[in-house]
Amino acid sequence: MPETIDGALYRRKAFLLGFMTKAEADGLFAMNPLRVPGGATPAAVSQAARAARTGLGGYVPGTADPIPAALSALVDEIRSRNVYKKEYEAKADYEFRTVPIDSLLTPQTEADLDYVDELAGSLTDSPDDNKDFAFAFPTAQIAEPITVGNTLTFTSNAPNIAVTPVPIVRRTQDGFDVVMEARARPNYVMVARVAGRMVLHNGVHKVLALKKRSRARVFALVYDVQNVAQLQLPGAQSSTFLDANYIQAARPPLVIDLLGPTATPTFMRATIFIYQLSVQFGQAIAPAPASEAAQSAETSKVGQEKKATN
C-alpha cells in the first residue's frame, strides 16, 4: 500500500540497480524523488544489488506453447475486438501462446510494487485458465473526464490514455460532427521472440503479479522481430539494454529479477498522469480568389492589351 512520508504520498518501487552501472544508479537517485527504506545510502544499496547479480544462475530459454483448445472461444472473442484488429492484427503476425514467466527478458528496469500487489489481489489463489486468460487480455476502460470550458481533463495512475491526433469528421443533416476520440491504450501481454530469446514487450506488472501468485506461465500475444531495436524499449539508451548485456548476455536481466535481490526496493513520490484535450474555434476574413474561368479571361485580356500597345 502507498505510504505517507513527511505529509506526501509515496509508492513502493523496485529498480534493477544490479544491472546498472554506478553512474546510472547515481543518476537515478539524483534525478528522481526516491527514498531507500531503513536509511541506507544509494551507493550502499547499489553495491549490494550488483553483488547479488554475481550469484545469479544462467539463463534458461523457454518455449511458447499453444493455447489450450478449451480456450479457443476466448481467443476468437479477442480476435473479434476492434482494438485487436486495429492495434495488433494490422501491425504484426501475432500468435496466442503461453510462455514461461522465468524465461522472459524484462523491457524495463523498474516496477511499481504497490501496483503489482493490487493486481495480484485480483487473481485467484490457484491457476484458473479462463480468469488468467482474461487477466492477460483485459477490456480496458478509462475514467470519465471533467469538462471546464472548452477543455476535457483526464487523469490516470499510468500512461494508458491515447487521443487521436486527427479529428474524425462526420456529416449530419445540418452540418458536420467533428469528433476527437480519447480511449484506453491497448494493454495486452505481448512477447517478442528475438535471437532465440523471449522479451516481454508489454505487461511487466501483470507478469510479476502472476509470479507472486505462483503461476509458472502467462498467456501472451507472441510475435517475431529481427532485433531488439524494433521494440523501441523505453530505456534503450541504458547500458542494461546493450546487446552484450541483454540479448547476448549469458544471464540477461529478467522480469522476475524485479522481485529479487538485484532489484532495490525504494519509496518514490506518487504521481498521476494528466491528459487535457481542448477544442478551439476561430474565425477570419480573407480575400476570395477569383474563379479559374475569371482568372483565365483576365489573363487573356491583359495579353491582348499588350499586343495592342506594341
Protein backbone atom coordinates (compact mmCIF):
# COMPACT_ATOMS: atom_id res chain seq x y z
CA MET A 1 0.00 0.00 0.00
CA PRO A 2 1.20 3.59 -0.66
CA GLU A 3 2.68 5.26 2.43
CA THR A 4 2.62 8.82 3.70
CA ILE A 5 6.08 10.20 4.46
CA ASP A 6 6.52 13.78 5.70
CA GLY A 7 3.00 14.60 4.53
CA ALA A 8 3.50 13.29 0.98
CA LEU A 9 2.26 10.08 -0.61
CA TYR A 10 4.90 7.56 -1.71
CA ARG A 11 4.64 4.27 -3.58
CA ARG A 12 6.94 1.26 -3.33
CA LYS A 13 9.09 0.87 -6.42
CA ALA A 14 11.80 -1.58 -7.40
CA PHE A 15 14.76 -0.66 -9.61
CA LEU A 16 17.18 -3.13 -11.19
CA LEU A 17 20.28 -1.48 -9.76
CA GLY A 18 22.14 -4.77 -10.06
CA PHE A 19 22.14 -4.43 -13.86
CA MET A 20 23.08 -0.73 -13.94
CA THR A 21 26.46 0.95 -13.87
CA LYS A 22 27.42 3.01 -10.82
CA ALA A 23 26.91 6.21 -12.79
CA GLU A 24 23.45 5.16 -13.94
CA ALA A 25 22.38 4.22 -10.42
CA ASP A 26 23.70 7.52 -9.06
CA GLY A 27 21.85 9.43 -11.77
CA LEU A 28 18.65 7.58 -10.98
CA PHE A 29 18.70 8.77 -7.37
CA ALA A 30 19.85 12.26 -8.34
CA MET A 31 17.02 12.85 -10.80
CA ASN A 32 14.10 11.16 -9.02
CA PRO A 33 12.31 11.72 -5.68
CA LEU A 34 13.45 8.39 -4.20
CA ARG A 35 13.94 7.22 -0.64
CA VAL A 36 15.58 3.99 0.47
CA PRO A 37 13.89 2.12 3.33
CA GLY A 38 15.95 1.88 6.50
CA GLY A 39 18.02 4.93 5.71
CA ALA A 40 20.63 3.12 3.60
CA THR A 41 22.61 5.23 1.16
CA PRO A 42 22.05 4.93 -2.60
CA ALA A 43 25.68 3.85 -3.02
CA ALA A 44 25.29 1.04 -0.47
CA VAL A 45 22.10 -0.42 -1.97
CA SER A 46 23.54 -0.13 -5.47
CA GLN A 47 26.64 -2.07 -4.43
CA ALA A 48 24.54 -4.74 -2.71
CA ALA A 49 22.39 -5.18 -5.83
CA ARG A 50 25.42 -5.55 -8.09
CA ALA A 51 26.93 -8.09 -5.69
CA ALA A 52 23.69 -10.10 -5.77
CA ARG A 53 23.94 -10.26 -9.54
CA THR A 54 27.12 -12.34 -9.32
CA GLY A 55 25.16 -15.09 -7.60
CA LEU A 56 22.53 -15.49 -10.29
CA GLY A 57 22.32 -18.69 -12.26
CA GLY A 58 22.44 -18.95 -16.02
CA TYR A 59 19.64 -18.15 -18.43
CA VAL A 60 17.26 -20.97 -19.33
CA PRO A 61 15.41 -20.35 -22.61
CA GLY A 62 11.75 -21.26 -22.71
CA THR A 63 9.27 -22.20 -25.40
CA ALA A 64 6.00 -20.61 -26.42
CA ASP A 65 3.30 -23.30 -26.31
CA PRO A 66 -0.13 -23.28 -27.98
CA ILE A 67 -3.17 -22.07 -26.09
CA PRO A 68 -5.28 -24.95 -24.68
CA ALA A 69 -8.07 -25.94 -27.07
CA ALA A 70 -10.62 -25.30 -24.34
CA LEU A 71 -9.85 -21.56 -24.64
CA SER A 72 -10.43 -21.31 -28.40
CA ALA A 73 -13.71 -19.43 -27.92
CA LEU A 74 -11.93 -16.83 -25.78
CA VAL A 75 -9.25 -16.45 -28.43
CA ASP A 76 -11.92 -15.88 -31.09
CA GLU A 77 -13.55 -13.23 -28.89
CA ILE A 78 -10.26 -11.33 -28.57
CA ARG A 79 -9.69 -11.52 -32.32
CA SER A 80 -13.14 -10.00 -32.92
CA ARG A 81 -12.41 -6.90 -30.84
CA ASN A 82 -11.85 -3.65 -32.71
CA VAL A 83 -8.77 -2.89 -30.63
CA TYR A 84 -7.19 -6.20 -31.63
CA LYS A 85 -7.92 -5.67 -35.31
CA LYS A 86 -6.59 -2.11 -35.26
CA GLU A 87 -3.66 -2.26 -32.83
CA TYR A 88 -2.42 -5.81 -33.26
CA GLU A 89 -3.70 -7.72 -36.28
CA ALA A 90 -2.95 -4.83 -38.64
CA LYS A 91 0.63 -4.41 -37.38
CA ALA A 92 2.17 -7.87 -36.96
CA ASP A 93 1.54 -11.60 -37.16
CA TYR A 94 0.62 -12.37 -33.56
CA GLU A 95 0.05 -15.82 -32.12
CA PHE A 96 -1.84 -16.62 -28.92
CA ARG A 97 0.56 -18.64 -26.78
CA THR A 98 1.55 -19.44 -23.21
CA VAL A 99 5.13 -18.63 -22.23
CA PRO A 100 7.25 -19.44 -19.16
CA ILE A 101 7.50 -16.44 -16.85
CA ASP A 102 11.03 -17.26 -15.67
CA SER A 103 12.42 -17.01 -19.22
CA LEU A 104 11.13 -13.54 -20.06
CA LEU A 105 13.67 -10.73 -20.50
CA THR A 106 12.48 -7.51 -18.91
CA PRO A 107 11.75 -4.49 -21.14
CA GLN A 108 12.31 -2.02 -18.27
CA THR A 109 14.38 -1.55 -15.13
CA GLU A 110 11.63 -0.54 -12.73
CA ALA A 111 8.30 -1.74 -11.38
CA ASP A 112 5.60 -0.34 -9.11
CA LEU A 113 5.41 -2.92 -6.33
CA ASP A 114 2.18 -1.49 -4.92
CA TYR A 115 0.54 -1.90 -8.32
CA VAL A 116 1.87 -5.46 -8.56
CA ASP A 117 0.21 -6.25 -5.22
CA GLU A 118 -3.05 -4.68 -6.38
CA LEU A 119 -3.06 -6.86 -9.49
CA ALA A 120 -2.06 -9.96 -7.54
CA GLY A 121 -5.01 -9.38 -5.25
CA SER A 122 -7.36 -9.70 -8.22
CA LEU A 123 -6.07 -13.19 -9.10
CA THR A 124 -7.33 -16.48 -7.74
CA ASP A 125 -5.16 -18.43 -5.29
CA SER A 126 -4.62 -21.24 -7.79
CA PRO A 127 -4.33 -21.12 -11.60
CA ASP A 128 -7.59 -20.66 -13.46
CA ASP A 129 -7.12 -20.68 -17.24
CA ASN A 130 -10.26 -18.71 -18.03
CA LYS A 131 -9.60 -15.96 -15.49
CA ASP A 132 -5.85 -15.85 -16.13
CA PHE A 133 -6.54 -15.50 -19.85
CA ALA A 134 -8.89 -12.58 -19.23
CA PHE A 135 -6.25 -11.06 -16.93
CA ALA A 136 -3.69 -11.10 -19.77
CA PHE A 137 -6.09 -9.58 -22.32
CA PRO A 138 -8.25 -7.08 -20.40
CA THR A 139 -11.02 -4.91 -21.76
CA ALA A 140 -9.55 -1.52 -20.93
CA GLN A 141 -11.57 1.41 -19.64
CA ILE A 142 -10.70 4.98 -18.67
CA ALA A 143 -12.35 7.19 -16.08
CA GLU A 144 -14.79 9.87 -17.19
CA PRO A 145 -13.13 13.29 -17.61
CA ILE A 146 -14.24 16.61 -16.19
CA THR A 147 -15.18 19.45 -18.54
CA VAL A 148 -14.21 23.03 -17.80
CA GLY A 149 -14.93 25.47 -20.61
CA ASN A 150 -13.52 24.07 -23.84
CA THR A 151 -11.14 21.62 -22.12
CA LEU A 152 -11.56 17.99 -21.09
CA THR A 153 -9.22 16.75 -18.36
CA PHE A 154 -8.47 13.05 -17.85
CA THR A 155 -6.33 11.63 -15.05
CA SER A 156 -4.79 8.20 -14.67
CA ASN A 157 -2.26 6.43 -12.48
CA ALA A 158 -0.50 5.12 -15.60
CA PRO A 159 0.22 6.40 -19.13
CA ASN A 160 -2.71 4.47 -20.56
CA ILE A 161 -4.80 7.07 -22.41
CA ALA A 162 -4.48 7.79 -26.13
CA VAL A 163 -6.09 10.68 -28.02
CA THR A 164 -6.50 10.54 -31.80
CA PRO A 165 -4.32 13.31 -33.30
CA VAL A 166 -6.61 13.82 -36.30
CA PRO A 167 -10.31 14.72 -35.78
CA ILE A 168 -12.99 12.46 -37.22
CA VAL A 169 -15.46 14.39 -39.41
CA ARG A 170 -18.99 13.03 -39.79
CA ARG A 171 -21.67 14.64 -41.96
CA THR A 172 -25.01 15.27 -40.27
CA GLN A 173 -28.34 16.59 -41.54
CA ASP A 174 -27.40 20.12 -40.50
CA GLY A 175 -23.62 20.14 -40.98
CA PHE A 176 -20.75 18.14 -39.53
CA ASP A 177 -19.79 16.49 -36.26
CA VAL A 178 -16.09 16.94 -35.53
CA VAL A 179 -15.03 14.20 -33.10
CA MET A 180 -11.83 13.75 -31.09
CA GLU A 181 -11.50 10.27 -29.59
CA ALA A 182 -9.89 9.56 -26.21
CA ARG A 183 -9.53 5.88 -25.44
CA ALA A 184 -7.56 3.45 -23.32
CA ARG A 185 -4.30 2.30 -24.81
CA PRO A 186 -4.18 -1.39 -25.69
CA ASN A 187 -2.69 -3.29 -22.77
CA TYR A 188 -2.37 -6.94 -23.72
CA VAL A 189 0.57 -9.05 -22.58
CA MET A 190 2.99 -9.16 -25.53
CA VAL A 191 6.15 -11.22 -26.01
CA ALA A 192 8.68 -10.78 -28.79
CA ARG A 193 10.89 -13.63 -29.96
CA VAL A 194 14.31 -12.37 -30.98
CA ALA A 195 17.63 -14.16 -31.37
CA GLY A 196 16.31 -17.29 -29.68
CA ARG A 197 15.08 -15.43 -26.61
CA MET A 198 11.76 -14.05 -25.47
CA VAL A 199 11.40 -10.41 -24.47
CA LEU A 200 8.31 -9.28 -22.58
CA HIS A 201 7.27 -6.30 -24.70
CA ASN A 202 4.30 -5.29 -22.56
CA GLY A 203 2.76 -6.44 -19.28
CA VAL A 204 5.55 -6.32 -16.68
CA HIS A 205 3.23 -5.69 -13.73
CA LYS A 206 0.78 -8.38 -14.83
CA VAL A 207 3.55 -10.95 -15.15
CA LEU A 208 5.00 -10.03 -11.74
CA ALA A 209 1.54 -10.36 -10.20
CA LEU A 210 1.17 -13.82 -11.73
CA LYS A 211 4.61 -14.77 -10.42
CA LYS A 212 3.64 -13.68 -6.91
CA ARG A 213 0.58 -15.88 -7.24
CA SER A 214 2.78 -18.88 -8.09
CA ARG A 215 1.95 -19.02 -11.78
CA ALA A 216 4.65 -20.56 -13.96
CA ARG A 217 3.33 -19.37 -17.34
CA VAL A 218 1.46 -16.40 -18.75
CA PHE A 219 -0.89 -16.11 -21.73
CA ALA A 220 0.50 -13.70 -24.31
CA LEU A 221 0.47 -12.45 -27.86
CA VAL A 222 3.75 -13.71 -29.32
CA TYR A 223 5.43 -12.40 -32.46
CA ASP A 224 8.87 -12.37 -34.09
CA VAL A 225 11.26 -9.46 -34.58
CA GLN A 226 14.72 -9.36 -36.12
CA ASN A 227 16.43 -7.23 -33.47
CA VAL A 228 15.75 -5.58 -30.12
CA ALA A 229 15.82 -2.08 -31.65
CA GLN A 230 12.46 -2.81 -33.30
CA LEU A 231 10.85 -2.97 -29.84
CA GLN A 232 11.77 0.65 -29.02
CA LEU A 233 12.20 -0.15 -25.34
CA PRO A 234 11.76 2.92 -23.10
CA GLY A 235 15.21 2.55 -21.53
CA ALA A 236 17.02 1.57 -24.73
CA GLN A 237 19.85 4.06 -24.07
CA SER A 238 20.73 2.38 -20.77
CA SER A 239 23.73 0.04 -20.63
CA THR A 240 21.29 -2.59 -19.33
CA PHE A 241 19.86 -2.97 -22.83
CA LEU A 242 23.05 -3.00 -24.83
CA ASP A 243 23.18 -6.22 -26.85
CA ALA A 244 26.21 -7.50 -24.92
CA ASN A 245 24.39 -7.07 -21.60
CA TYR A 246 20.96 -8.03 -22.84
CA ILE A 247 20.12 -10.19 -25.82
CA GLN A 248 23.63 -11.72 -25.99
CA ALA A 249 24.36 -11.95 -22.25
CA ALA A 250 24.86 -15.29 -20.53
CA ARG A 251 22.47 -14.03 -17.86
CA PRO A 252 20.31 -11.14 -19.13
CA PRO A 253 18.01 -9.08 -16.88
CA LEU A 254 14.73 -10.93 -16.46
CA VAL A 255 11.28 -9.79 -15.42
CA ILE A 256 11.48 -11.95 -12.28
CA ASP A 257 14.63 -10.06 -11.23
CA LEU A 258 12.38 -7.13 -10.32
CA LEU A 259 11.23 -9.22 -7.36
CA GLY A 260 14.72 -10.48 -6.49
CA PRO A 261 17.92 -9.28 -4.79
CA THR A 262 19.24 -7.46 -7.88
CA ALA A 263 16.30 -5.05 -7.57
CA THR A 264 16.36 -2.39 -4.88
CA PRO A 265 13.05 -1.54 -3.15
CA THR A 266 12.58 2.21 -2.74
CA PHE A 267 9.88 4.73 -1.97
CA MET A 268 9.02 7.14 -4.80
CA ARG A 269 6.64 10.08 -4.71
CA ALA A 270 3.24 9.02 -6.00
CA THR A 271 2.25 10.71 -9.24
CA ILE A 272 -0.66 10.77 -11.65
CA PHE A 273 -0.84 11.43 -15.37
CA ILE A 274 -2.95 14.35 -16.59
CA TYR A 275 -4.28 14.48 -20.14
CA GLN A 276 -6.01 17.60 -21.46
CA LEU A 277 -7.97 17.86 -24.67
CA SER A 278 -9.02 21.37 -25.75
CA VAL A 279 -11.36 22.39 -28.55
CA GLN A 280 -10.80 25.81 -30.13
CA PHE A 281 -12.72 27.69 -32.79
CA GLY A 282 -11.53 30.70 -34.75
CA GLN A 283 -12.94 32.93 -37.46
CA ALA A 284 -11.05 35.03 -40.00
CA ILE A 285 -11.83 37.07 -43.10
CA ALA A 286 -9.64 36.75 -46.19
CA PRO A 287 -9.86 37.95 -49.81
CA ALA A 288 -11.71 35.48 -52.01
CA PRO A 289 -9.71 34.33 -55.06
CA ALA A 290 -11.23 34.76 -58.49
CA SER A 291 -12.64 31.70 -60.18
CA GLU A 292 -10.40 29.84 -62.62
CA ALA A 293 -12.53 30.99 -65.57
CA ALA A 294 -12.34 34.62 -64.48
CA GLN A 295 -8.58 34.42 -64.00
CA SER A 296 -8.20 32.91 -67.49
CA ALA A 297 -10.29 35.69 -69.04
CA GLU A 298 -8.30 38.39 -67.21
CA THR A 299 -5.01 36.88 -68.38
CA SER A 300 -6.25 36.82 -71.97
CA LYS A 301 -7.40 40.45 -71.73
CA VAL A 302 -4.03 41.61 -70.42
CA GLY A 303 -2.28 39.78 -73.25
CA GLN A 304 -4.45 41.45 -75.85
CA GLU A 305 -3.83 44.92 -74.35
CA LYS A 306 -0.05 44.34 -74.52
CA LYS A 307 -0.26 43.38 -78.18
CA ALA A 308 -2.30 46.50 -78.95
CA THR A 309 0.26 48.67 -77.17
CA ASN A 310 3.12 47.18 -79.14
